[in-house]
Amino acid sequence: MASSKSASKFEIARWMREHLDDHRDRTTGEVNCTSLVEEWDVACADGGATLDSNHVAWDVAVEVAARADAGLP
């Protein structure tokens, strides 16, 4: 994936959907959005992009988790 500066919400969401279950608690079923964002950052950005609490990846993680919990793609 491109650097975090050029990664679109769509690209981030696609990656997060593919890795969502790796961050789902086996007991509660809840998605750990923090670990999802941090893994995306290491895998696809510079590993420090999401230190900025306003980085779009934080909002994308919440949206992806909510859609998955609602049974939406």
Protein backbone atom coordinates (compact mmCIF):
# COMPACT_ATOMS: atom_id res chain seq x y z
CA MET A 1 0.00 0.00 0.00
CA ALA A 2 1.08 3.57 -0.50
CA SER A 3 2.37 5.69 2.33
CA SER A 4 -0.04 6.90 4.98
CA LYS A 5 -0.13 10.34 3.40
CA SER A 6 -1.58 8.97 0.18
CA ALA A 7 -3.61 6.07 1.59
CA SER A 8 -7.28 6.68 0.96
CA LYS A 9 -10.06 5.84 3.38
CA PHE A 10 -11.07 3.11 0.93
CA GLU A 11 -7.60 1.52 0.95
CA ILE A 12 -7.38 1.68 4.73
CA ALA A 13 -10.87 0.20 5.13
CA ARG A 14 -10.12 -2.60 2.69
CA TRP A 15 -6.99 -3.59 4.62
CA MET A 16 -8.82 -3.37 7.95
CA ARG A 17 -11.72 -5.52 6.72
CA GLU A 18 -9.21 -8.18 5.64
CA HIS A 19 -7.57 -8.18 9.10
CA LEU A 20 -10.57 -7.46 11.32
CA ASP A 21 -10.98 -10.96 12.76
CA ASP A 22 -7.35 -10.93 13.96
CA HIS A 23 -8.43 -8.14 16.33
CA ARG A 24 -11.74 -9.55 17.54
CA ASP A 25 -11.88 -10.72 21.15
CA ARG A 26 -12.78 -14.42 21.16
CA THR A 27 -14.85 -14.08 24.32
CA THR A 28 -16.76 -10.84 23.79
CA GLY A 29 -16.66 -10.59 20.01
CA GLU A 30 -15.60 -6.95 20.35
CA VAL A 31 -13.06 -5.56 17.89
CA ASN A 32 -9.98 -3.97 19.42
CA CYS A 33 -9.80 -0.91 17.18
CA THR A 34 -6.56 0.27 18.76
CA SER A 35 -4.67 -2.88 17.81
CA LEU A 36 -6.29 -2.84 14.36
CA VAL A 37 -5.10 0.72 13.71
CA GLU A 38 -1.65 0.04 15.11
CA GLU A 39 -1.20 -3.04 12.92
CA TRP A 40 -2.37 -1.13 9.83
CA ASP A 41 0.12 1.62 10.67
CA VAL A 42 3.04 -0.80 10.94
CA ALA A 43 2.01 -2.81 7.86
CA CYS A 44 1.01 0.00 5.54
CA ALA A 45 2.27 3.34 6.82
CA ASP A 46 5.39 4.47 8.61
CA GLY A 47 4.62 2.99 12.02
CA GLY A 48 4.07 6.41 13.51
CA ALA A 49 1.36 7.88 11.34
CA THR A 50 -1.40 7.12 13.78
CA LEU A 51 0.33 8.75 16.74
CA ASP A 52 -1.77 11.67 15.51
CA SER A 53 -5.14 11.11 17.16
CA ASN A 54 -6.78 12.90 14.21
CA HIS A 55 -5.43 10.43 11.63
CA VAL A 56 -8.27 9.11 9.46
CA ALA A 57 -7.37 5.49 10.28
CA TRP A 58 -8.93 5.84 13.75
CA ASP A 59 -12.32 6.78 12.30
CA VAL A 60 -12.04 4.12 9.62
CA ALA A 61 -11.41 1.40 12.22
CA VAL A 62 -14.52 2.36 14.16
CA GLU A 63 -16.60 2.44 10.95
CA VAL A 64 -15.27 -0.92 9.76
CA ALA A 65 -15.91 -2.56 13.15
CA ALA A 66 -19.44 -1.11 13.38
CA ARG A 67 -20.32 -2.27 9.86
CA ALA A 68 -18.97 -5.77 10.56
CA ASP A 69 -20.95 -5.97 13.81
CA ALA A 70 -24.08 -4.95 11.89
CA GLY A 71 -23.43 -7.66 9.28
CA LEU A 72 -22.59 -5.17 6.54
CA PRO A 73 -19.62 -5.43 4.17
